Amino acid sequence: SLECAMETTEEQTRQERQEPTKPEVFSVQWPGKRSARRLQR
């Protein structure tokens, strides 16, 4: 549920900002943060 909420809020923020340039994304991941989070329940 938390992962789903995180993905939704991040996606909503990206849509609201609608910036033409892509934000910086760095290769180092948060500890425990999946590269592709599960959105199950």
PDB file of all heavy atoms in Angstrom:
ATOM      1  N   SER A   1       0.827  -1.199   0.000  1.00  0.00           N
ATOM      2  CA  SER A   1       0.000   0.000   0.000  1.00  0.00           C
ATOM      3  C   SER A   1       0.864   1.253   0.000  1.00  0.00           C
ATOM      4  O   SER A   1       0.579   2.226  -0.710  1.00  0.00           O
ATOM      5  CB  SER A   1      -0.920   0.002   1.231  1.00  0.00           C
ATOM      6  OG  SER A   1      -1.835  -1.065   1.174  1.00  0.00           O
ATOM      7  N   LEU A   2       1.936   1.235   0.799  1.00  0.00           N
ATOM      8  CA  LEU A   2       2.834   2.387   0.842  1.00  0.00           C
ATOM      9  C   LEU A   2       3.557   2.578  -0.488  1.00  0.00           C
ATOM     10  O   LEU A   2       3.710   3.704  -0.967  1.00  0.00           O
ATOM     11  CB  LEU A   2       3.851   2.196   1.982  1.00  0.00           C
ATOM     12  CG  LEU A   2       3.294   2.328   3.395  1.00  0.00           C
ATOM     13  CD1 LEU A   2       4.322   1.865   4.421  1.00  0.00           C
ATOM     14  CD2 LEU A   2       2.876   3.762   3.679  1.00  0.00           C
ATOM     15  N   GLU A   3       4.003   1.475  -1.085  1.00  0.00           N
ATOM     16  CA  GLU A   3       4.672   1.571  -2.382  1.00  0.00           C
ATOM     17  C   GLU A   3       3.730   2.131  -3.442  1.00  0.00           C
ATOM     18  O   GLU A   3       4.110   2.958  -4.274  1.00  0.00           O
ATOM     19  CB  GLU A   3       5.186   0.196  -2.815  1.00  0.00           C
ATOM     20  CG  GLU A   3       6.381  -0.273  -2.014  1.00  0.00           C
ATOM     21  CD  GLU A   3       6.815  -1.678  -2.386  1.00  0.00           C
ATOM     22  OE1 GLU A   3       6.019  -2.396  -3.034  1.00  0.00           O
ATOM     23  OE2 GLU A   3       7.937  -2.061  -2.027  1.00  0.00           O
ATOM     24  N   CYS A   4       2.490   1.678  -3.396  1.00  0.00           N
ATOM     25  CA  CYS A   4       1.489   2.155  -4.349  1.00  0.00           C
ATOM     26  C   CYS A   4       1.254   3.647  -4.164  1.00  0.00           C
ATOM     27  O   CYS A   4       1.180   4.411  -5.133  1.00  0.00           O
ATOM     28  CB  CYS A   4       0.195   1.371  -4.149  1.00  0.00           C
ATOM     29  SG  CYS A   4      -1.029   1.659  -5.423  1.00  0.00           S
ATOM     30  N   ALA A   5       1.131   4.089  -2.908  1.00  0.00           N
ATOM     31  CA  ALA A   5       0.927   5.510  -2.622  1.00  0.00           C
ATOM     32  C   ALA A   5       2.129   6.332  -3.079  1.00  0.00           C
ATOM     33  O   ALA A   5       1.974   7.423  -3.635  1.00  0.00           O
ATOM     34  CB  ALA A   5       0.690   5.713  -1.132  1.00  0.00           C
ATOM     35  N   MET A   6       3.337   5.792  -2.874  1.00  0.00           N
ATOM     36  CA  MET A   6       4.541   6.501  -3.316  1.00  0.00           C
ATOM     37  C   MET A   6       4.562   6.680  -4.822  1.00  0.00           C
ATOM     38  O   MET A   6       4.831   7.764  -5.342  1.00  0.00           O
ATOM     39  CB  MET A   6       5.789   5.720  -2.874  1.00  0.00           C
ATOM     40  CG  MET A   6       6.333   6.131  -1.534  1.00  0.00           C
ATOM     41  SD  MET A   6       7.921   5.339  -1.195  1.00  0.00           S
ATOM     42  CE  MET A   6       8.993   6.183  -2.352  1.00  0.00           C
ATOM     43  N   GLU A   7       4.285   5.598  -5.538  1.00  0.00           N
ATOM     44  CA  GLU A   7       4.276   5.671  -6.998  1.00  0.00           C
ATOM     45  C   GLU A   7       3.229   6.661  -7.489  1.00  0.00           C
ATOM     46  O   GLU A   7       3.469   7.434  -8.422  1.00  0.00           O
ATOM     47  CB  GLU A   7       4.003   4.284  -7.602  1.00  0.00           C
ATOM     48  CG  GLU A   7       5.115   3.281  -7.390  1.00  0.00           C
ATOM     49  CD  GLU A   7       6.341   3.566  -8.241  1.00  0.00           C
ATOM     50  OE1 GLU A   7       6.311   4.513  -9.041  1.00  0.00           O
ATOM     51  OE2 GLU A   7       7.338   2.833  -8.092  1.00  0.00           O
ATOM     52  N   THR A   8       2.070   6.651  -6.863  1.00  0.00           N
ATOM     53  CA  THR A   8       0.990   7.531  -7.295  1.00  0.00           C
ATOM     54  C   THR A   8       1.341   8.984  -7.066  1.00  0.00           C
ATOM     55  O   THR A   8       1.128   9.838  -7.935  1.00  0.00           O
ATOM     56  CB  THR A   8      -0.313   7.180  -6.552  1.00  0.00           C
ATOM     57  OG1 THR A   8      -0.612   5.810  -6.801  1.00  0.00           O
ATOM     58  CG2 THR A   8      -1.470   8.031  -7.056  1.00  0.00           C
ATOM     59  N   THR A   9       1.885   9.302  -5.890  1.00  0.00           N
ATOM     60  CA  THR A   9       2.229  10.696  -5.606  1.00  0.00           C
ATOM     61  C   THR A   9       3.345  11.190  -6.515  1.00  0.00           C
ATOM     62  O   THR A   9       3.324  12.334  -6.987  1.00  0.00           O
ATOM     63  CB  THR A   9       2.649  10.865  -4.133  1.00  0.00           C
ATOM     64  OG1 THR A   9       3.700   9.923  -3.825  1.00  0.00           O
ATOM     65  CG2 THR A   9       1.477  10.614  -3.197  1.00  0.00           C
ATOM     66  N   GLU A  10       4.335  10.310  -6.778  1.00  0.00           N
ATOM     67  CA  GLU A  10       5.417  10.705  -7.681  1.00  0.00           C
ATOM     68  C   GLU A  10       4.889  10.955  -9.089  1.00  0.00           C
ATOM     69  O   GLU A  10       5.241  11.944  -9.742  1.00  0.00           O
ATOM     70  CB  GLU A  10       6.497   9.625  -7.701  1.00  0.00           C
ATOM     71  CG  GLU A  10       7.297   9.546  -6.418  1.00  0.00           C
ATOM     72  CD  GLU A  10       8.238   8.363  -6.390  1.00  0.00           C
ATOM     73  OE1 GLU A  10       8.274   7.611  -7.393  1.00  0.00           O
ATOM     74  OE2 GLU A  10       8.940   8.182  -5.376  1.00  0.00           O
ATOM     75  N   GLU A  11       4.026  10.056  -9.554  1.00  0.00           N
ATOM     76  CA  GLU A  11       3.459  10.207 -10.897  1.00  0.00           C
ATOM     77  C   GLU A  11       2.597  11.458 -10.984  1.00  0.00           C
ATOM     78  O   GLU A  11       2.638  12.190 -11.979  1.00  0.00           O
ATOM     79  CB  GLU A  11       2.643   8.958 -11.246  1.00  0.00           C
ATOM     80  CG  GLU A  11       2.154   8.924 -12.697  1.00  0.00           C
ATOM     81  CD  GLU A  11       3.299   8.761 -13.686  1.00  0.00           C
ATOM     82  OE1 GLU A  11       4.401   8.361 -13.281  1.00  0.00           O
ATOM     83  OE2 GLU A  11       3.090   9.055 -14.874  1.00  0.00           O
ATOM     84  N   GLN A  12       1.816  11.717  -9.948  1.00  0.00           N
ATOM     85  CA  GLN A  12       0.955  12.901  -9.940  1.00  0.00           C
ATOM     86  C   GLN A  12       1.793  14.180  -9.987  1.00  0.00           C
ATOM     87  O   GLN A  12       1.469  15.120 -10.705  1.00  0.00           O
ATOM     88  CB  GLN A  12       0.081  12.900  -8.685  1.00  0.00           C
ATOM     89  CG  GLN A  12      -0.867  14.083  -8.608  1.00  0.00           C
ATOM     90  CD  GLN A  12      -1.739  14.024  -7.362  1.00  0.00           C
ATOM     91  OE1 GLN A  12      -1.780  13.016  -6.673  1.00  0.00           O
ATOM     92  NE2 GLN A  12      -2.418  15.105  -7.086  1.00  0.00           N
ATOM     93  N   THR A  13       2.901  14.190  -9.223  1.00  0.00           N
ATOM     94  CA  THR A  13       3.775  15.364  -9.216  1.00  0.00           C
ATOM     95  C   THR A  13       4.382  15.592 -10.586  1.00  0.00           C
ATOM     96  O   THR A  13       4.439  16.723 -11.077  1.00  0.00           O
ATOM     97  CB  THR A  13       4.900  15.187  -8.174  1.00  0.00           C
ATOM     98  OG1 THR A  13       4.312  14.975  -6.890  1.00  0.00           O
ATOM     99  CG2 THR A  13       5.775  16.422  -8.118  1.00  0.00           C
ATOM    100  N   ARG A  14       4.814  14.513 -11.237  1.00  0.00           N
ATOM    101  CA  ARG A  14       5.392  14.658 -12.580  1.00  0.00           C
ATOM    102  C   ARG A  14       4.366  15.234 -13.557  1.00  0.00           C
ATOM    103  O   ARG A  14       4.677  16.086 -14.377  1.00  0.00           O
ATOM    104  CB  ARG A  14       5.878  13.298 -13.083  1.00  0.00           C
ATOM    105  CG  ARG A  14       7.123  12.789 -12.372  1.00  0.00           C
ATOM    106  CD  ARG A  14       7.675  11.551 -13.063  1.00  0.00           C
ATOM    107  NE  ARG A  14       8.684  10.919 -12.244  1.00  0.00           N
ATOM    108  CZ  ARG A  14       8.472   9.877 -11.454  1.00  0.00           C
ATOM    109  NH1 ARG A  14       7.272   9.331 -11.398  1.00  0.00           N
ATOM    110  NH2 ARG A  14       9.449   9.365 -10.737  1.00  0.00           N
ATOM    111  N   GLN A  15       3.121  14.754 -13.468  1.00  0.00           N
ATOM    112  CA  GLN A  15       2.081  15.234 -14.377  1.00  0.00           C
ATOM    113  C   GLN A  15       1.756  16.704 -14.122  1.00  0.00           C
ATOM    114  O   GLN A  15       1.539  17.474 -15.050  1.00  0.00           O
ATOM    115  CB  GLN A  15       0.820  14.387 -14.236  1.00  0.00           C
ATOM    116  CG  GLN A  15       0.981  12.970 -14.756  1.00  0.00           C
ATOM    117  CD  GLN A  15      -0.230  12.096 -14.483  1.00  0.00           C
ATOM    118  OE1 GLN A  15      -1.183  12.526 -13.854  1.00  0.00           O
ATOM    119  NE2 GLN A  15      -0.171  10.851 -14.933  1.00  0.00           N
ATOM    120  N   GLU A  16       1.727  17.096 -12.834  1.00  0.00           N
ATOM    121  CA  GLU A  16       1.406  18.478 -12.502  1.00  0.00           C
ATOM    122  C   GLU A  16       2.489  19.428 -12.971  1.00  0.00           C
ATOM    123  O   GLU A  16       2.208  20.533 -13.416  1.00  0.00           O
ATOM    124  CB  GLU A  16       1.216  18.614 -10.982  1.00  0.00           C
ATOM    125  CG  GLU A  16      -0.074  17.974 -10.477  1.00  0.00           C
ATOM    126  CD  GLU A  16      -0.171  17.992  -8.970  1.00  0.00           C
ATOM    127  OE1 GLU A  16       0.834  18.379  -8.314  1.00  0.00           O
ATOM    128  OE2 GLU A  16      -1.231  17.625  -8.443  1.00  0.00           O
ATOM    129  N   ARG A  17       3.730  18.990 -12.872  1.00  0.00           N
ATOM    130  CA  ARG A  17       4.834  19.868 -13.239  1.00  0.00           C
ATOM    131  C   ARG A  17       4.957  20.017 -14.748  1.00  0.00           C
ATOM    132  O   ARG A  17       5.249  21.094 -15.251  1.00  0.00           O
ATOM    133  CB  ARG A  17       6.141  19.334 -12.649  1.00  0.00           C
ATOM    134  CG  ARG A  17       6.146  19.385 -11.120  1.00  0.00           C
ATOM    135  CD  ARG A  17       7.385  18.751 -10.575  1.00  0.00           C
ATOM    136  NE  ARG A  17       8.547  19.540 -10.936  1.00  0.00           N
ATOM    137  CZ  ARG A  17       9.557  19.768 -10.121  1.00  0.00           C
ATOM    138  NH1 ARG A  17       9.559  19.271  -8.927  1.00  0.00           N
ATOM    139  NH2 ARG A  17      10.583  20.473 -10.502  1.00  0.00           N
ATOM    140  N   GLN A  18       4.765  18.901 -15.454  1.00  0.00           N
ATOM    141  CA  GLN A  18       4.825  18.885 -16.925  1.00  0.00           C
ATOM    142  C   GLN A  18       6.034  19.649 -17.447  1.00  0.00           C
ATOM    143  O   GLN A  18       5.943  20.513 -18.304  1.00  0.00           O
ATOM    144  CB  GLN A  18       3.545  19.492 -17.513  1.00  0.00           C
ATOM    145  CG  GLN A  18       2.320  18.648 -17.230  1.00  0.00           C
ATOM    146  CD  GLN A  18       1.068  19.252 -17.817  1.00  0.00           C
ATOM    147  OE1 GLN A  18       1.049  20.420 -18.182  1.00  0.00           O
ATOM    148  NE2 GLN A  18       0.024  18.475 -17.914  1.00  0.00           N
ATOM    149  N   GLU A  19       7.188  19.301 -16.890  1.00  0.00           N
ATOM    150  CA  GLU A  19       8.416  19.973 -17.306  1.00  0.00           C
ATOM    151  C   GLU A  19       8.939  19.333 -18.581  1.00  0.00           C
ATOM    152  O   GLU A  19       8.952  18.114 -18.719  1.00  0.00           O
ATOM    153  CB  GLU A  19       9.474  19.871 -16.202  1.00  0.00           C
ATOM    154  CG  GLU A  19       9.111  20.671 -14.978  1.00  0.00           C
ATOM    155  CD  GLU A  19      10.183  20.573 -13.906  1.00  0.00           C
ATOM    156  OE1 GLU A  19      11.080  19.731 -14.039  1.00  0.00           O
ATOM    157  OE2 GLU A  19      10.104  21.339 -12.951  1.00  0.00           O
ATOM    158  N   PRO A  20       9.403  20.156 -19.535  1.00  0.00           N
ATOM    159  CA  PRO A  20       9.916  19.610 -20.783  1.00  0.00           C
ATOM    160  C   PRO A  20      11.213  18.829 -20.604  1.00  0.00           C
ATOM    161  O   PRO A  20      11.497  17.908 -21.334  1.00  0.00           O
ATOM    162  CB  PRO A  20      10.164  20.856 -21.652  1.00  0.00           C
ATOM    163  CG  PRO A  20      10.306  21.977 -20.668  1.00  0.00           C
ATOM    164  CD  PRO A  20       9.440  21.621 -19.500  1.00  0.00           C
ATOM    165  N   THR A  21      12.019  19.207 -19.572  1.00  0.00           N
ATOM    166  CA  THR A  21      13.272  18.500 -19.357  1.00  0.00           C
ATOM    167  C   THR A  21      13.073  17.455 -18.291  1.00  0.00           C
ATOM    168  O   THR A  21      12.406  17.683 -17.287  1.00  0.00           O
ATOM    169  CB  THR A  21      14.371  19.484 -18.894  1.00  0.00           C
ATOM    170  OG1 THR A  21      13.913  20.158 -17.711  1.00  0.00           O
ATOM    171  CG2 THR A  21      14.652  20.508 -19.974  1.00  0.00           C
ATOM    172  N   LYS A  22      13.696  16.321 -18.507  1.00  0.00           N
ATOM    173  CA  LYS A  22      13.551  15.209 -17.581  1.00  0.00           C
ATOM    174  C   LYS A  22      14.391  15.470 -16.334  1.00  0.00           C
ATOM    175  O   LYS A  22      15.538  15.873 -16.437  1.00  0.00           O
ATOM    176  CB  LYS A  22      14.012  13.911 -18.265  1.00  0.00           C
ATOM    177  CG  LYS A  22      13.729  12.666 -17.440  1.00  0.00           C
ATOM    178  CD  LYS A  22      14.104  11.441 -18.226  1.00  0.00           C
ATOM    179  CE  LYS A  22      13.798  10.182 -17.426  1.00  0.00           C
ATOM    180  NZ  LYS A  22      14.158   8.974 -18.168  1.00  0.00           N
ATOM    181  N   PRO A  23      13.814  15.258 -15.125  1.00  0.00           N
ATOM    182  CA  PRO A  23      14.582  15.458 -13.901  1.00  0.00           C
ATOM    183  C   PRO A  23      15.765  14.505 -13.838  1.00  0.00           C
ATOM    184  O   PRO A  23      15.768  13.449 -14.457  1.00  0.00           O
ATOM    185  CB  PRO A  23      13.562  15.126 -12.791  1.00  0.00           C
ATOM    186  CG  PRO A  23      12.233  15.177 -13.447  1.00  0.00           C
ATOM    187  CD  PRO A  23      12.454  14.831 -14.877  1.00  0.00           C
ATOM    188  N   GLU A  24      16.776  14.921 -13.047  1.00  0.00           N
ATOM    189  CA  GLU A  24      17.948  14.077 -12.909  1.00  0.00           C
ATOM    190  C   GLU A  24      17.600  12.816 -12.134  1.00  0.00           C
ATOM    191  O   GLU A  24      16.915  12.857 -11.135  1.00  0.00           O
ATOM    192  CB  GLU A  24      19.052  14.831 -12.151  1.00  0.00           C
ATOM    193  CG  GLU A  24      19.696  15.921 -12.988  1.00  0.00           C
ATOM    194  CD  GLU A  24      20.936  16.475 -12.311  1.00  0.00           C
ATOM    195  OE1 GLU A  24      21.710  15.659 -11.775  1.00  0.00           O
ATOM    196  OE2 GLU A  24      21.105  17.692 -12.306  1.00  0.00           O
ATOM    197  N   VAL A  25      18.077  11.696 -12.633  1.00  0.00           N
ATOM    198  CA  VAL A  25      17.913  10.428 -11.923  1.00  0.00           C
ATOM    199  C   VAL A  25      19.296   9.830 -11.777  1.00  0.00           C
ATOM    200  O   VAL A  25      20.038   9.716 -12.745  1.00  0.00           O
ATOM    201  CB  VAL A  25      17.001   9.456 -12.701  1.00  0.00           C
ATOM    202  CG1 VAL A  25      16.873   8.151 -11.946  1.00  0.00           C
ATOM    203  CG2 VAL A  25      15.641  10.083 -12.928  1.00  0.00           C
ATOM    204  N   PHE A  26      19.632   9.456 -10.565  1.00  0.00           N
ATOM    205  CA  PHE A  26      20.979   8.959 -10.291  1.00  0.00           C
ATOM    206  C   PHE A  26      20.954   7.460 -10.110  1.00  0.00           C
ATOM    207  O   PHE A  26      19.952   6.889  -9.713  1.00  0.00           O
ATOM    208  CB  PHE A  26      21.549   9.659  -9.049  1.00  0.00           C
ATOM    209  CG  PHE A  26      21.590  11.155  -9.221  1.00  0.00           C
ATOM    210  CD1 PHE A  26      20.537  11.939  -8.774  1.00  0.00           C
ATOM    211  CD2 PHE A  26      22.644  11.765  -9.864  1.00  0.00           C
ATOM    212  CE1 PHE A  26      20.556  13.304  -8.947  1.00  0.00           C
ATOM    213  CE2 PHE A  26      22.668  13.142 -10.039  1.00  0.00           C
ATOM    214  CZ  PHE A  26      21.627  13.910  -9.581  1.00  0.00           C
ATOM    215  N   SER A  27      22.097   6.847 -10.356  1.00  0.00           N
ATOM    216  CA  SER A  27      22.140   5.396 -10.388  1.00  0.00           C
ATOM    217  C   SER A  27      22.076   4.759  -9.009  1.00  0.00           C
ATOM    218  O   SER A  27      21.664   3.629  -8.872  1.00  0.00           O
ATOM    219  CB  SER A  27      23.417   4.930 -11.092  1.00  0.00           C
ATOM    220  OG  SER A  27      24.553   5.441 -10.416  1.00  0.00           O
ATOM    221  N   VAL A  28      22.514   5.469  -7.970  1.00  0.00           N
ATOM    222  CA  VAL A  28      22.515   4.891  -6.635  1.00  0.00           C
ATOM    223  C   VAL A  28      21.092   4.846  -6.109  1.00  0.00           C
ATOM    224  O   VAL A  28      20.390   5.843  -6.107  1.00  0.00           O
ATOM    225  CB  VAL A  28      23.400   5.722  -5.683  1.00  0.00           C
ATOM    226  CG1 VAL A  28      23.369   5.112  -4.283  1.00  0.00           C
ATOM    227  CG2 VAL A  28      24.833   5.769  -6.206  1.00  0.00           C
ATOM    228  N   GLN A  29      20.656   3.673  -5.664  1.00  0.00           N
ATOM    229  CA  GLN A  29      19.287   3.494  -5.168  1.00  0.00           C
ATOM    230  C   GLN A  29      19.255   3.625  -3.664  1.00  0.00           C
ATOM    231  O   GLN A  29      20.233   3.381  -2.980  1.00  0.00           O
ATOM    232  CB  GLN A  29      18.759   2.110  -5.570  1.00  0.00           C
ATOM    233  CG  GLN A  29      18.619   1.928  -7.060  1.00  0.00           C
ATOM    234  CD  GLN A  29      17.478   2.747  -7.635  1.00  0.00           C
ATOM    235  OE1 GLN A  29      16.506   3.041  -6.967  1.00  0.00           O
ATOM    236  NE2 GLN A  29      17.612   3.140  -8.881  1.00  0.00           N
ATOM    237  N   TRP A  30      18.074   4.015  -3.128  1.00  0.00           N
ATOM    238  CA  TRP A  30      17.886   4.003  -1.679  1.00  0.00           C
ATOM    239  C   TRP A  30      18.030   2.585  -1.185  1.00  0.00           C
ATOM    240  O   TRP A  30      17.622   1.644  -1.839  1.00  0.00           O
ATOM    241  CB  TRP A  30      16.492   4.496  -1.310  1.00  0.00           C
ATOM    242  CG  TRP A  30      16.230   5.911  -1.631  1.00  0.00           C
ATOM    243  CD1 TRP A  30      17.067   6.790  -2.260  1.00  0.00           C
ATOM    244  CD2 TRP A  30      15.025   6.627  -1.371  1.00  0.00           C
ATOM    245  NE1 TRP A  30      16.461   7.998  -2.386  1.00  0.00           N
ATOM    246  CE2 TRP A  30      15.211   7.930  -1.861  1.00  0.00           C
ATOM    247  CE3 TRP A  30      13.820   6.291  -0.761  1.00  0.00           C
ATOM    248  CZ2 TRP A  30      14.234   8.895  -1.752  1.00  0.00           C
ATOM    249  CZ3 TRP A  30      12.858   7.248  -0.655  1.00  0.00           C
ATOM    250  CH2 TRP A  30      13.054   8.536  -1.145  1.00  0.00           C
ATOM    251  N   PRO A  31      18.583   2.408   0.025  1.00  0.00           N
ATOM    252  CA  PRO A  31      18.618   1.055   0.588  1.00  0.00           C
ATOM    253  C   PRO A  31      17.216   0.495   0.707  1.00  0.00           C
ATOM    254  O   PRO A  31      16.328   1.134   1.251  1.00  0.00           O
ATOM    255  CB  PRO A  31      19.238   1.282   1.981  1.00  0.00           C
ATOM    256  CG  PRO A  31      20.015   2.551   1.849  1.00  0.00           C
ATOM    257  CD  PRO A  31      19.254   3.390   0.855  1.00  0.00           C
ATOM    258  N   GLY A  32      17.030  -0.695   0.154  1.00  0.00           N
ATOM    259  CA  GLY A  32      15.719  -1.330   0.235  1.00  0.00           C
ATOM    260  C   GLY A  32      14.762  -0.866  -0.826  1.00  0.00           C
ATOM    261  O   GLY A  32      13.663  -1.372  -0.957  1.00  0.00           O
ATOM    262  N   LYS A  33      15.162   0.119  -1.648  1.00  0.00           N
ATOM    263  CA  LYS A  33      14.249   0.630  -2.669  1.00  0.00           C
ATOM    264  C   LYS A  33      14.437  -0.169  -3.939  1.00  0.00           C
ATOM    265  O   LYS A  33      15.522  -0.210  -4.497  1.00  0.00           O
ATOM    266  CB  LYS A  33      14.558   2.112  -2.925  1.00  0.00           C
ATOM    267  CG  LYS A  33      13.612   2.752  -3.926  1.00  0.00           C
ATOM    268  CD  LYS A  33      13.918   4.232  -4.052  1.00  0.00           C
ATOM    269  CE  LYS A  33      12.989   4.899  -5.032  1.00  0.00           C
ATOM    270  NZ  LYS A  33      13.303   6.316  -5.223  1.00  0.00           N
ATOM    271  N   ARG A  34      13.402  -0.783  -4.424  1.00  0.00           N
ATOM    272  CA  ARG A  34      13.509  -1.612  -5.620  1.00  0.00           C
ATOM    273  C   ARG A  34      13.642  -0.727  -6.846  1.00  0.00           C
ATOM    274  O   ARG A  34      13.092   0.347  -6.916  1.00  0.00           O
ATOM    275  CB  ARG A  34      12.267  -2.501  -5.754  1.00  0.00           C
ATOM    276  CG  ARG A  34      12.141  -3.517  -4.646  1.00  0.00           C
ATOM    277  CD  ARG A  34      10.742  -4.085  -4.651  1.00  0.00           C
ATOM    278  NE  ARG A  34      10.584  -5.073  -3.619  1.00  0.00           N
ATOM    279  CZ  ARG A  34      10.372  -4.787  -2.347  1.00  0.00           C
ATOM    280  NH1 ARG A  34      10.296  -3.537  -1.964  1.00  0.00           N
ATOM    281  NH2 ARG A  34      10.224  -5.742  -1.461  1.00  0.00           N
ATOM    282  N   SER A  35      14.373  -1.252  -7.855  1.00  0.00           N
ATOM    283  CA  SER A  35      14.477  -0.516  -9.107  1.00  0.00           C
ATOM    284  C   SER A  35      13.122  -0.448  -9.787  1.00  0.00           C
ATOM    285  O   SER A  35      12.826   0.486 -10.513  1.00  0.00           O
ATOM    286  CB  SER A  35      15.507  -1.186 -10.017  1.00  0.00           C
ATOM    287  OG  SER A  35      15.125  -2.531 -10.246  1.00  0.00           O
ATOM    288  N   ALA A  36      12.315  -1.464  -9.587  1.00  0.00           N
ATOM    289  CA  ALA A  36      10.936  -1.445 -10.094  1.00  0.00           C
ATOM    290  C   ALA A  36      10.038  -1.877  -8.947  1.00  0.00           C
ATOM    291  O   ALA A  36       9.904  -3.047  -8.657  1.00  0.00           O
ATOM    292  CB  ALA A  36      10.799  -2.395 -11.275  1.00  0.00           C
ATOM    293  N   ARG A  37       9.441  -0.904  -8.273  1.00  0.00           N
ATOM    294  CA  ARG A  37       8.659  -1.232  -7.088  1.00  0.00           C
ATOM    295  C   ARG A  37       7.443  -2.058  -7.433  1.00  0.00           C
ATOM    296  O   ARG A  37       6.807  -1.861  -8.452  1.00  0.00           O
ATOM    297  CB  ARG A  37       8.185   0.052  -6.397  1.00  0.00           C
ATOM    298  CG  ARG A  37       9.301   0.851  -5.779  1.00  0.00           C
ATOM    299  CD  ARG A  37       8.669   1.881  -4.862  1.00  0.00           C
ATOM    300  NE  ARG A  37       9.605   2.956  -4.609  1.00  0.00           N
ATOM    301  CZ  ARG A  37       9.602   4.089  -5.261  1.00  0.00           C
ATOM    302  NH1 ARG A  37       8.723   4.309  -6.200  1.00  0.00           N
ATOM    303  NH2 ARG A  37      10.467   5.024  -4.968  1.00  0.00           N
ATOM    304  N   ARG A  38       7.104  -2.970  -6.498  1.00  0.00           N
ATOM    305  CA  ARG A  38       5.898  -3.757  -6.697  1.00  0.00           C
ATOM    306  C   ARG A  38       4.693  -2.900  -6.358  1.00  0.00           C
ATOM    307  O   ARG A  38       4.663  -2.216  -5.355  1.00  0.00           O
ATOM    308  CB  ARG A  38       5.908  -4.988  -5.785  1.00  0.00           C
ATOM    309  CG  ARG A  38       7.001  -5.954  -6.112  1.00  0.00           C
ATOM    310  CD  ARG A  38       6.684  -7.292  -5.494  1.00  0.00           C
ATOM    311  NE  ARG A  38       6.291  -7.179  -4.111  1.00  0.00           N
ATOM    312  CZ  ARG A  38       7.130  -7.244  -3.099  1.00  0.00           C
ATOM    313  NH1 ARG A  38       8.410  -7.390  -3.338  1.00  0.00           N
ATOM    314  NH2 ARG A  38       6.703  -7.170  -1.857  1.00  0.00           N
ATOM    315  N   LEU A  39       3.701  -2.959  -7.244  1.00  0.00           N
ATOM    316  CA  LEU A  39       2.439  -2.264  -7.000  1.00  0.00           C
ATOM    317  C   LEU A  39       1.348  -3.316  -7.007  1.00  0.00           C
ATOM    318  O   LEU A  39       0.653  -3.490  -7.994  1.00  0.00           O
ATOM    319  CB  LEU A  39       2.173  -1.232  -8.109  1.00  0.00           C
ATOM    320  CG  LEU A  39       3.219  -0.139  -8.238  1.00  0.00           C
ATOM    321  CD1 LEU A  39       2.853   0.779  -9.375  1.00  0.00           C
ATOM    322  CD2 LEU A  39       3.356   0.628  -6.956  1.00  0.00           C
ATOM    323  N   GLN A  40       1.217  -4.041  -5.876  1.00  0.00           N
ATOM    324  CA  GLN A  40       0.300  -5.162  -5.895  1.00  0.00           C
ATOM    325  C   GLN A  40      -1.022  -4.816  -5.246  1.00  0.00           C
ATOM    326  O   GLN A  40      -2.065  -4.942  -5.849  1.00  0.00           O
ATOM    327  CB  GLN A  40       0.901  -6.344  -5.134  1.00  0.00           C
ATOM    328  CG  GLN A  40       2.294  -6.688  -5.584  1.00  0.00           C
ATOM    329  CD  GLN A  40       3.017  -7.460  -4.508  1.00  0.00           C
ATOM    330  OE1 GLN A  40       2.623  -7.439  -3.358  1.00  0.00           O
ATOM    331  NE2 GLN A  40       4.076  -8.124  -4.881  1.00  0.00           N
ATOM    332  N   ARG A  41      -0.933  -4.430  -3.954  1.00  0.00           N
ATOM    333  CA  ARG A  41      -2.162  -4.359  -3.183  1.00  0.00           C
ATOM    334  C   ARG A  41      -2.438  -2.931  -2.748  1.00  0.00           C
ATOM    335  O   ARG A  41      -1.540  -2.193  -2.422  1.00  0.00           O
ATOM    336  CB  ARG A  41      -2.071  -5.272  -1.959  1.00  0.00           C
ATOM    337  CG  ARG A  41      -1.949  -6.729  -2.350  1.00  0.00           C
ATOM    338  CD  ARG A  41      -1.911  -7.591  -1.132  1.00  0.00           C
ATOM    339  NE  ARG A  41      -0.590  -7.627  -0.535  1.00  0.00           N
ATOM    340  CZ  ARG A  41       0.319  -8.545  -0.781  1.00  0.00           C
ATOM    341  NH1 ARG A  41       0.070  -9.509  -1.634  1.00  0.00           N
ATOM    342  NH2 ARG A  41       1.483  -8.539  -0.196  1.00  0.00           N
TER     343      ARG A  41
END
